[in-house]
Amino acid sequence: MKPLHRFVLLAALLGVLGAVFALYAQPDFLMMLANQVWSCF
């Protein structure tokens, strides 16, 4: 794998992980997600 391609892939992965962490840091988002999952049952 080319170094530039690996760097871009790593940067995208870190960006996605950062966005997920930012969403989980918000309690309102967690409650909405839990309610949506619970409503499936």
PDB file of N, CA and C in Angstrom:
ATOM      1  N   MET A   1       0.849  -1.181   0.000  1.00  0.00           N
ATOM      2  CA  MET A   1       0.000   0.000   0.000  1.00  0.00           C
ATOM      3  C   MET A   1       0.897   1.248   0.000  1.00  0.00           C
ATOM      4  N   LYS A   2       0.533   2.224  -0.777  1.00  0.00           N
ATOM      5  CA  LYS A   2       1.319   3.444  -0.871  1.00  0.00           C
ATOM      6  C   LYS A   2       1.181   4.245   0.432  1.00  0.00           C
ATOM      7  N   PRO A   3       2.247   4.928   0.828  1.00  0.00           N
ATOM      8  CA  PRO A   3       2.184   5.694   2.084  1.00  0.00           C
ATOM      9  C   PRO A   3       1.098   6.764   2.083  1.00  0.00           C
ATOM     10  N   LEU A   4       0.893   7.433   0.953  1.00  0.00           N
ATOM     11  CA  LEU A   4      -0.140   8.470   0.902  1.00  0.00           C
ATOM     12  C   LEU A   4      -1.526   7.850   1.059  1.00  0.00           C
ATOM     13  N   HIS A   5      -1.766   6.730   0.407  1.00  0.00           N
ATOM     14  CA  HIS A   5      -3.055   6.054   0.501  1.00  0.00           C
ATOM     15  C   HIS A   5      -3.313   5.598   1.935  1.00  0.00           C
ATOM     16  N   ARG A   6      -2.259   5.089   2.585  1.00  0.00           N
ATOM     17  CA  ARG A   6      -2.396   4.644   3.973  1.00  0.00           C
ATOM     18  C   ARG A   6      -2.688   5.822   4.899  1.00  0.00           C
ATOM     19  N   PHE A   7      -2.023   6.965   4.656  1.00  0.00           N
ATOM     20  CA  PHE A   7      -2.247   8.148   5.470  1.00  0.00           C
ATOM     21  C   PHE A   7      -3.676   8.661   5.323  1.00  0.00           C
ATOM     22  N   VAL A   8      -4.182   8.701   4.104  1.00  0.00           N
ATOM     23  CA  VAL A   8      -5.551   9.168   3.865  1.00  0.00           C
ATOM     24  C   VAL A   8      -6.550   8.233   4.532  1.00  0.00           C
ATOM     25  N   LEU A   9      -6.316   6.939   4.444  1.00  0.00           N
ATOM     26  CA  LEU A   9      -7.204   5.968   5.083  1.00  0.00           C
ATOM     27  C   LEU A   9      -7.187   6.119   6.598  1.00  0.00           C
ATOM     28  N   LEU A  10      -5.999   6.299   7.167  1.00  0.00           N
ATOM     29  CA  LEU A  10      -5.883   6.483   8.607  1.00  0.00           C
ATOM     30  C   LEU A  10      -6.552   7.782   9.060  1.00  0.00           C
ATOM     31  N   ALA A  11      -6.379   8.852   8.296  1.00  0.00           N
ATOM     32  CA  ALA A  11      -7.001  10.135   8.637  1.00  0.00           C
ATOM     33  C   ALA A  11      -8.522  10.031   8.582  1.00  0.00           C
ATOM     34  N   ALA A  12      -9.055   9.332   7.589  1.00  0.00           N
ATOM     35  CA  ALA A  12     -10.505   9.156   7.491  1.00  0.00           C
ATOM     36  C   ALA A  12     -11.028   8.325   8.657  1.00  0.00           C
ATOM     37  N   LEU A  13     -10.306   7.287   9.013  1.00  0.00           N
ATOM     38  CA  LEU A  13     -10.714   6.447  10.137  1.00  0.00           C
ATOM     39  C   LEU A  13     -10.713   7.238  11.438  1.00  0.00           C
ATOM     40  N   LEU A  14      -9.681   8.022  11.665  1.00  0.00           N
ATOM     41  CA  LEU A  14      -9.625   8.842  12.875  1.00  0.00           C
ATOM     42  C   LEU A  14     -10.732   9.897  12.889  1.00  0.00           C
ATOM     43  N   GLY A  15     -11.072  10.432  11.726  1.00  0.00           N
ATOM     44  CA  GLY A  15     -12.167  11.398  11.646  1.00  0.00           C
ATOM     45  C   GLY A  15     -13.507  10.773  12.004  1.00  0.00           C
ATOM     46  N   VAL A  16     -13.743   9.576  11.504  1.00  0.00           N
ATOM     47  CA  VAL A  16     -14.993   8.874  11.819  1.00  0.00           C
ATOM     48  C   VAL A  16     -15.053   8.538  13.308  1.00  0.00           C
ATOM     49  N   LEU A  17     -13.947   8.036  13.856  1.00  0.00           N
ATOM     50  CA  LEU A  17     -13.921   7.707  15.280  1.00  0.00           C
ATOM     51  C   LEU A  17     -14.118   8.958  16.134  1.00  0.00           C
ATOM     52  N   GLY A  18     -13.547  10.063  15.741  1.00  0.00           N
ATOM     53  CA  GLY A  18     -13.738  11.323  16.468  1.00  0.00           C
ATOM     54  C   GLY A  18     -15.182  11.788  16.421  1.00  0.00           C
ATOM     55  N   ALA A  19     -15.821  11.642  15.272  1.00  0.00           N
ATOM     56  CA  ALA A  19     -17.223  12.046  15.152  1.00  0.00           C
ATOM     57  C   ALA A  19     -18.117  11.162  16.014  1.00  0.00           C
ATOM     58  N   VAL A  20     -17.856   9.861  16.038  1.00  0.00           N
ATOM     59  CA  VAL A  20     -18.643   8.954  16.879  1.00  0.00           C
ATOM     60  C   VAL A  20     -18.445   9.290  18.349  1.00  0.00           C
ATOM     61  N   PHE A  21     -17.210   9.567  18.751  1.00  0.00           N
ATOM     62  CA  PHE A  21     -16.956   9.934  20.139  1.00  0.00           C
ATOM     63  C   PHE A  21     -17.677  11.227  20.499  1.00  0.00           C
ATOM     64  N   ALA A  22     -17.687  12.198  19.593  1.00  0.00           N
ATOM     65  CA  ALA A  22     -18.371  13.466  19.868  1.00  0.00           C
ATOM     66  C   ALA A  22     -19.873  13.245  20.027  1.00  0.00           C
ATOM     67  N   LEU A  23     -20.451  12.339  19.236  1.00  0.00           N
ATOM     68  CA  LEU A  23     -21.882  12.066  19.375  1.00  0.00           C
ATOM     69  C   LEU A  23     -22.188  11.358  20.694  1.00  0.00           C
ATOM     70  N   TYR A  24     -21.346  10.418  21.090  1.00  0.00           N
ATOM     71  CA  TYR A  24     -21.577   9.696  22.332  1.00  0.00           C
ATOM     72  C   TYR A  24     -21.349  10.566  23.557  1.00  0.00           C
ATOM     73  N   ALA A  25     -20.652  11.685  23.412  1.00  0.00           N
ATOM     74  CA  ALA A  25     -20.433  12.593  24.530  1.00  0.00           C
ATOM     75  C   ALA A  25     -21.676  13.426  24.824  1.00  0.00           C
ATOM     76  N   GLN A  26     -22.682  13.367  23.958  1.00  0.00           N
ATOM     77  CA  GLN A  26     -23.911  14.130  24.152  1.00  0.00           C
ATOM     78  C   GLN A  26     -24.987  13.213  24.719  1.00  0.00           C
ATOM     79  N   PRO A  27     -25.433  13.457  25.939  1.00  0.00           N
ATOM     80  CA  PRO A  27     -26.430  12.570  26.568  1.00  0.00           C
ATOM     81  C   PRO A  27     -27.754  12.520  25.794  1.00  0.00           C
ATOM     82  N   ASP A  28     -28.163  13.627  25.184  1.00  0.00           N
ATOM     83  CA  ASP A  28     -29.421  13.628  24.431  1.00  0.00           C
ATOM     84  C   ASP A  28     -29.361  12.653  23.263  1.00  0.00           C
ATOM     85  N   PHE A  29     -28.219  12.586  22.604  1.00  0.00           N
ATOM     86  CA  PHE A  29     -28.061  11.653  21.497  1.00  0.00           C
ATOM     87  C   PHE A  29     -28.157  10.214  21.994  1.00  0.00           C
ATOM     88  N   LEU A  30     -27.540   9.942  23.138  1.00  0.00           N
ATOM     89  CA  LEU A  30     -27.589   8.581  23.690  1.00  0.00           C
ATOM     90  C   LEU A  30     -29.018   8.183  24.032  1.00  0.00           C
ATOM     91  N   MET A  31     -29.781   9.105  24.614  1.00  0.00           N
ATOM     92  CA  MET A  31     -31.171   8.792  24.962  1.00  0.00           C
ATOM     93  C   MET A  31     -32.002   8.554  23.697  1.00  0.00           C
ATOM     94  N   MET A  32     -31.814   9.374  22.670  1.00  0.00           N
ATOM     95  CA  MET A  32     -32.556   9.197  21.431  1.00  0.00           C
ATOM     96  C   MET A  32     -32.212   7.854  20.789  1.00  0.00           C
ATOM     97  N   LEU A  33     -30.920   7.510  20.784  1.00  0.00           N
ATOM     98  CA  LEU A  33     -30.494   6.246  20.198  1.00  0.00           C
ATOM     99  C   LEU A  33     -31.068   5.067  20.978  1.00  0.00           C
ATOM    100  N   ALA A  34     -31.040   5.143  22.311  1.00  0.00           N
ATOM    101  CA  ALA A  34     -31.587   4.071  23.135  1.00  0.00           C
ATOM    102  C   ALA A  34     -33.095   3.921  22.906  1.00  0.00           C
ATOM    103  N   ASN A  35     -33.802   5.026  22.792  1.00  0.00           N
ATOM    104  CA  ASN A  35     -35.246   4.949  22.538  1.00  0.00           C
ATOM    105  C   ASN A  35     -35.554   4.344  21.178  1.00  0.00           C
ATOM    106  N   GLN A  36     -34.758   4.669  20.172  1.00  0.00           N
ATOM    107  CA  GLN A  36     -34.984   4.104  18.844  1.00  0.00           C
ATOM    108  C   GLN A  36     -34.701   2.616  18.825  1.00  0.00           C
ATOM    109  N   VAL A  37     -33.656   2.187  19.511  1.00  0.00           N
ATOM    110  CA  VAL A  37     -33.341   0.763  19.563  1.00  0.00           C
ATOM    111  C   VAL A  37     -34.413   0.028  20.353  1.00  0.00           C
ATOM    112  N   TRP A  38     -34.862   0.606  21.472  1.00  0.00           N
ATOM    113  CA  TRP A  38     -35.847  -0.045  22.318  1.00  0.00           C
ATOM    114  C   TRP A  38     -37.203  -0.160  21.599  1.00  0.00           C
ATOM    115  N   SER A  39     -37.512   0.819  20.742  1.00  0.00           N
ATOM    116  CA  SER A  39     -38.808   0.787  20.047  1.00  0.00           C
ATOM    117  C   SER A  39     -38.884  -0.337  19.020  1.00  0.00           C
ATOM    118  N   CYS A  40     -37.760  -0.929  18.655  1.00  0.00           N
ATOM    119  CA  CYS A  40     -37.772  -2.048  17.708  1.00  0.00           C
ATOM    120  C   CYS A  40     -38.309  -3.322  18.351  1.00  0.00           C
ATOM    121  N   PHE A  41     -38.292  -3.382  19.682  1.00  0.00           N
ATOM    122  CA  PHE A  41     -38.722  -4.601  20.368  1.00  0.00           C
ATOM    123  C   PHE A  41     -40.110  -4.448  20.834  1.00  0.00           C
TER     124      PHE A  41
END
